[in-house]
Amino acid sequence: MNKLEGVRLEVDSRRRTVAELGQKIDKQRARLPQTKSKGEFDIEQTIKKVQHKENKREQPLAFFIGIHRWSCSFAVQRIFSHAS
């Protein structure tokens, strides 16, 4: 598996993790009237975890975009260099 595919898979995995945590926050908010302070604490913890995971997702995403742009521009250069 090439580097680009590996990074794409990592980005996709992190995207799913953030989405799942968003759903978890929604469920915790729905239960909040019943659980009061513990529920508020749980939501705060989950929000912090989402922020952390989003930050971790950004690095491989930026790398993936950079590599993808580079590989596309490299492919275009090869096409035009062979056309001459």
Protein backbone atom coordinates (compact mmCIF):
# COMPACT_ATOMS: atom_id res chain seq x y z
CA MET A 1 0.00 0.00 0.00
CA ASN A 2 1.46 3.35 -0.95
CA LYS A 3 1.91 6.26 1.45
CA LEU A 4 -0.99 8.26 -0.02
CA GLU A 5 -3.46 5.40 0.47
CA GLY A 6 -2.28 4.86 4.03
CA VAL A 7 -2.77 8.51 4.91
CA ARG A 8 -6.19 8.50 3.21
CA LEU A 9 -7.25 5.57 5.37
CA GLU A 10 -5.98 7.31 8.52
CA VAL A 11 -7.88 10.50 7.66
CA ASP A 12 -11.05 8.52 6.99
CA SER A 13 -10.71 6.67 10.30
CA ARG A 14 -10.24 9.92 12.21
CA ARG A 15 -13.24 11.45 10.41
CA ARG A 16 -15.42 8.53 11.52
CA THR A 17 -14.13 8.81 15.11
CA VAL A 18 -15.03 12.51 15.26
CA ALA A 19 -18.49 11.80 13.81
CA GLU A 20 -19.12 9.04 16.36
CA LEU A 21 -18.07 11.32 19.20
CA GLY A 22 -20.45 14.00 17.90
CA GLN A 23 -23.28 11.49 18.11
CA LYS A 24 -22.17 10.60 21.65
CA ILE A 25 -22.40 14.26 22.66
CA ASP A 26 -25.93 14.47 21.23
CA LYS A 27 -26.98 11.41 23.26
CA GLN A 28 -25.40 12.82 26.42
CA ARG A 29 -27.20 16.14 25.92
CA ALA A 30 -30.49 14.27 25.52
CA ARG A 31 -29.93 12.59 28.91
CA LEU A 32 -28.73 15.78 30.58
CA PRO A 33 -32.00 16.71 32.35
CA GLN A 34 -31.91 13.34 34.12
CA THR A 35 -28.24 13.27 35.10
CA LYS A 36 -27.53 16.99 35.85
CA SER A 37 -23.94 17.56 37.08
CA LYS A 38 -22.57 14.16 36.05
CA GLY A 39 -24.08 14.64 32.62
CA GLU A 40 -22.50 18.07 32.30
CA PHE A 41 -19.13 16.61 33.30
CA ASP A 42 -19.51 13.79 30.75
CA ILE A 43 -20.36 16.27 28.00
CA GLU A 44 -17.34 18.44 28.86
CA GLN A 45 -15.07 15.38 28.75
CA THR A 46 -16.48 14.26 25.40
CA ILE A 47 -16.19 17.76 23.91
CA LYS A 48 -12.53 17.88 24.97
CA LYS A 49 -11.99 14.47 23.39
CA VAL A 50 -13.64 15.63 20.13
CA GLN A 51 -11.40 18.71 20.03
CA HIS A 52 -8.34 16.53 20.59
CA LYS A 53 -9.37 14.08 17.88
CA GLU A 54 -10.13 16.90 15.44
CA ASN A 55 -6.66 18.31 16.05
CA LYS A 56 -5.11 14.88 15.47
CA ARG A 57 -7.11 14.55 12.25
CA GLU A 58 -5.84 17.83 10.82
CA GLN A 59 -2.18 16.80 10.54
CA PRO A 60 -2.64 13.72 8.33
CA LEU A 61 -5.39 15.52 6.40
CA ALA A 62 -3.02 18.38 5.53
CA PHE A 63 -0.33 15.85 4.63
CA PHE A 64 -2.76 13.90 2.44
CA ILE A 65 -3.87 17.05 0.62
CA GLY A 66 -0.26 18.12 0.08
CA ILE A 67 0.82 14.71 -1.23
CA HIS A 68 -2.27 14.46 -3.42
CA ARG A 69 -1.64 17.89 -4.95
CA TRP A 70 2.01 17.04 -5.49
CA SER A 71 1.20 13.71 -7.13
CA CYS A 72 -1.40 15.34 -9.38
CA SER A 73 0.96 18.13 -10.44
CA PHE A 74 3.72 15.56 -10.99
CA ALA A 75 1.40 13.49 -13.18
CA VAL A 76 0.43 16.56 -15.21
CA GLN A 77 4.10 17.47 -15.67
CA ARG A 78 4.85 13.96 -16.90
CA ILE A 79 1.97 14.10 -19.36
CA PHE A 80 3.11 17.40 -20.82
CA SER A 81 6.78 16.39 -20.89
CA HIS A 82 5.90 13.28 -22.90
CA ALA A 83 3.67 15.29 -25.23
CA SER A 84 6.58 17.51 -26.35
